[in-house]
Amino acid sequence: MSEKTYRVVFFCFLALIFLVSSVGATQNSEITIKRDNYGVPHIYAQSIKGLYYGYGYAVAQDRLYQIEMFRRTYWGRLTEVYGEDLLATLKAASSLSSGERTDRI
């Protein structure tokens, strides 16, 4: 298997672990997320698992765009969002190996 395949399997495994561990977090506890005037989340929960679940939910809300852009970059589908103008840049960046990228930077 390639390195990309290992990464996908690894992240799917992590997501599965998170999903299984968070199932019981919301069954018997109440979680409240309040945001102040600056958008900072304040999380209140009756258990530690609930607190972590609320934290993950708040982070997902705040970083959904970034996660989506990383996902599209990884699969080579970023031009669907930014258009064909970015295609030449993406092709040039993906043609370099990681060692060449660090040498040029």
C-alpha atoms as a PDB file:
ATOM      1  CA  MET A   1       0.000   0.000   0.000  1.00  0.00           C
ATOM      2  CA  SER A   2       1.103   3.532  -0.679  1.00  0.00           C
ATOM      3  CA  GLU A   3       1.746   6.197   1.937  1.00  0.00           C
ATOM      4  CA  LYS A   4      -1.502   7.959   0.958  1.00  0.00           C
ATOM      5  CA  THR A   5      -3.478   4.789   1.596  1.00  0.00           C
ATOM      6  CA  TYR A   6      -1.865   4.353   5.007  1.00  0.00           C
ATOM      7  CA  ARG A   7      -2.754   7.924   5.929  1.00  0.00           C
ATOM      8  CA  VAL A   8      -6.381   7.502   4.885  1.00  0.00           C
ATOM      9  CA  VAL A   9      -6.687   4.247   6.825  1.00  0.00           C
ATOM     10  CA  PHE A  10      -5.034   5.818   9.872  1.00  0.00           C
ATOM     11  CA  PHE A  11      -7.365   8.840   9.906  1.00  0.00           C
ATOM     12  CA  CYS A  12     -10.415   6.627   9.358  1.00  0.00           C
ATOM     13  CA  PHE A  13      -9.279   4.511  12.309  1.00  0.00           C
ATOM     14  CA  LEU A  14      -8.899   7.624  14.485  1.00  0.00           C
ATOM     15  CA  ALA A  15     -12.341   8.858  13.453  1.00  0.00           C
ATOM     16  CA  LEU A  16     -13.837   5.466  14.306  1.00  0.00           C
ATOM     17  CA  ILE A  17     -12.207   5.489  17.746  1.00  0.00           C
ATOM     18  CA  PHE A  18     -13.535   8.992  18.394  1.00  0.00           C
ATOM     19  CA  LEU A  19     -17.007   8.011  17.228  1.00  0.00           C
ATOM     20  CA  VAL A  20     -17.151   4.911  19.414  1.00  0.00           C
ATOM     21  CA  SER A  21     -15.810   6.713  22.482  1.00  0.00           C
ATOM     22  CA  SER A  22     -18.188   9.650  22.106  1.00  0.00           C
ATOM     23  CA  VAL A  23     -21.383   7.611  21.773  1.00  0.00           C
ATOM     24  CA  GLY A  24     -21.827   7.325  25.519  1.00  0.00           C
ATOM     25  CA  ALA A  25     -20.847  10.924  26.156  1.00  0.00           C
ATOM     26  CA  THR A  26     -24.167  12.416  25.165  1.00  0.00           C
ATOM     27  CA  GLN A  27     -26.568   9.729  26.345  1.00  0.00           C
ATOM     28  CA  ASN A  28     -26.758  10.695  30.027  1.00  0.00           C
ATOM     29  CA  SER A  29     -25.269  14.176  30.157  1.00  0.00           C
ATOM     30  CA  GLU A  30     -26.259  17.625  29.056  1.00  0.00           C
ATOM     31  CA  ILE A  31     -23.732  19.679  27.102  1.00  0.00           C
ATOM     32  CA  THR A  32     -24.048  23.429  26.625  1.00  0.00           C
ATOM     33  CA  ILE A  33     -21.856  25.518  24.362  1.00  0.00           C
ATOM     34  CA  LYS A  34     -22.150  29.288  24.710  1.00  0.00           C
ATOM     35  CA  ARG A  35     -20.106  31.760  22.723  1.00  0.00           C
ATOM     36  CA  ASP A  36     -19.141  35.190  24.003  1.00  0.00           C
ATOM     37  CA  ASN A  37     -18.999  38.415  21.967  1.00  0.00           C
ATOM     38  CA  TYR A  38     -15.621  37.411  20.519  1.00  0.00           C
ATOM     39  CA  GLY A  39     -16.828  33.970  19.403  1.00  0.00           C
ATOM     40  CA  VAL A  40     -14.879  32.082  22.080  1.00  0.00           C
ATOM     41  CA  PRO A  41     -16.742  28.899  23.050  1.00  0.00           C
ATOM     42  CA  HIS A  42     -17.493  28.222  26.720  1.00  0.00           C
ATOM     43  CA  ILE A  43     -18.394  24.572  27.213  1.00  0.00           C
ATOM     44  CA  TYR A  44     -20.402  23.275  30.156  1.00  0.00           C
ATOM     45  CA  ALA A  45     -20.963  19.551  30.693  1.00  0.00           C
ATOM     46  CA  GLN A  46     -21.850  17.118  33.475  1.00  0.00           C
ATOM     47  CA  SER A  47     -19.013  14.718  32.696  1.00  0.00           C
ATOM     48  CA  ILE A  48     -15.490  14.718  31.312  1.00  0.00           C
ATOM     49  CA  LYS A  49     -16.611  12.763  28.254  1.00  0.00           C
ATOM     50  CA  GLY A  50     -19.324  15.321  27.652  1.00  0.00           C
ATOM     51  CA  LEU A  51     -16.788  18.118  27.996  1.00  0.00           C
ATOM     52  CA  TYR A  52     -14.513  16.519  25.403  1.00  0.00           C
ATOM     53  CA  TYR A  53     -17.458  15.885  23.108  1.00  0.00           C
ATOM     54  CA  GLY A  54     -18.508  19.538  23.365  1.00  0.00           C
ATOM     55  CA  TYR A  55     -14.942  20.671  22.754  1.00  0.00           C
ATOM     56  CA  GLY A  56     -14.709  18.516  19.625  1.00  0.00           C
ATOM     57  CA  TYR A  57     -18.026  19.854  18.401  1.00  0.00           C
ATOM     58  CA  ALA A  58     -16.934  23.480  18.931  1.00  0.00           C
ATOM     59  CA  VAL A  59     -13.601  22.884  17.174  1.00  0.00           C
ATOM     60  CA  ALA A  60     -15.390  21.228  14.262  1.00  0.00           C
ATOM     61  CA  GLN A  61     -17.711  24.222  13.957  1.00  0.00           C
ATOM     62  CA  ASP A  62     -14.798  26.654  13.947  1.00  0.00           C
ATOM     63  CA  ARG A  63     -12.485  24.716  11.654  1.00  0.00           C
ATOM     64  CA  LEU A  64     -14.858  23.080   9.204  1.00  0.00           C
ATOM     65  CA  TYR A  65     -13.649  25.234   6.309  1.00  0.00           C
ATOM     66  CA  GLN A  66      -9.990  24.415   7.030  1.00  0.00           C
ATOM     67  CA  ILE A  67     -10.734  20.697   7.293  1.00  0.00           C
ATOM     68  CA  GLU A  68     -12.641  20.818   4.017  1.00  0.00           C
ATOM     69  CA  MET A  69      -9.770  22.615   2.262  1.00  0.00           C
ATOM     70  CA  PHE A  70      -7.227  20.079   3.577  1.00  0.00           C
ATOM     71  CA  ARG A  71      -9.445  17.261   2.364  1.00  0.00           C
ATOM     72  CA  ARG A  72      -9.844  18.811  -1.096  1.00  0.00           C
ATOM     73  CA  THR A  73      -6.105  19.518  -1.313  1.00  0.00           C
ATOM     74  CA  TYR A  74      -5.283  15.936  -0.354  1.00  0.00           C
ATOM     75  CA  TRP A  75      -7.588  14.472  -3.005  1.00  0.00           C
ATOM     76  CA  GLY A  76      -6.553  17.043  -5.636  1.00  0.00           C
ATOM     77  CA  ARG A  77     -10.002  18.655  -5.880  1.00  0.00           C
ATOM     78  CA  LEU A  78      -9.191  22.186  -4.724  1.00  0.00           C
ATOM     79  CA  THR A  79      -9.943  23.672  -8.161  1.00  0.00           C
ATOM     80  CA  GLU A  80     -13.617  22.831  -7.617  1.00  0.00           C
ATOM     81  CA  VAL A  81     -13.673  25.638  -5.060  1.00  0.00           C
ATOM     82  CA  TYR A  82     -11.147  28.157  -6.409  1.00  0.00           C
ATOM     83  CA  GLY A  83     -11.541  27.582 -10.139  1.00  0.00           C
ATOM     84  CA  GLU A  84      -9.308  26.708 -13.051  1.00  0.00           C
ATOM     85  CA  ASP A  85      -6.862  29.565 -12.376  1.00  0.00           C
ATOM     86  CA  LEU A  86      -5.337  27.563  -9.535  1.00  0.00           C
ATOM     87  CA  LEU A  87      -4.851  24.410 -11.616  1.00  0.00           C
ATOM     88  CA  ALA A  88      -1.386  25.273 -12.981  1.00  0.00           C
ATOM     89  CA  THR A  89      -0.099  26.135  -9.509  1.00  0.00           C
ATOM     90  CA  LEU A  90      -1.440  22.906  -8.031  1.00  0.00           C
ATOM     91  CA  LYS A  91       0.090  20.818 -10.812  1.00  0.00           C
ATOM     92  CA  ALA A  92       3.488  22.436 -10.273  1.00  0.00           C
ATOM     93  CA  ALA A  93       3.305  21.952  -6.495  1.00  0.00           C
ATOM     94  CA  SER A  94       2.216  18.316  -6.717  1.00  0.00           C
ATOM     95  CA  SER A  95       4.980  17.444  -9.194  1.00  0.00           C
ATOM     96  CA  LEU A  96       7.673  18.243  -6.624  1.00  0.00           C
ATOM     97  CA  SER A  97       8.681  15.634  -4.117  1.00  0.00           C
ATOM     98  CA  SER A  98       8.688  16.641  -0.440  1.00  0.00           C
ATOM     99  CA  GLY A  99      12.495  16.934  -0.426  1.00  0.00           C
ATOM    100  CA  GLU A 100      12.513  19.303  -3.377  1.00  0.00           C
ATOM    101  CA  ARG A 101       9.821  21.438  -1.776  1.00  0.00           C
ATOM    102  CA  THR A 102      11.836  22.004   1.383  1.00  0.00           C
ATOM    103  CA  ASP A 103      14.992  22.744  -0.611  1.00  0.00           C
ATOM    104  CA  ARG A 104      13.226  25.435  -2.647  1.00  0.00           C
ATOM    105  CA  ILE A 105      11.578  27.058   0.357  1.00  0.00           C
END
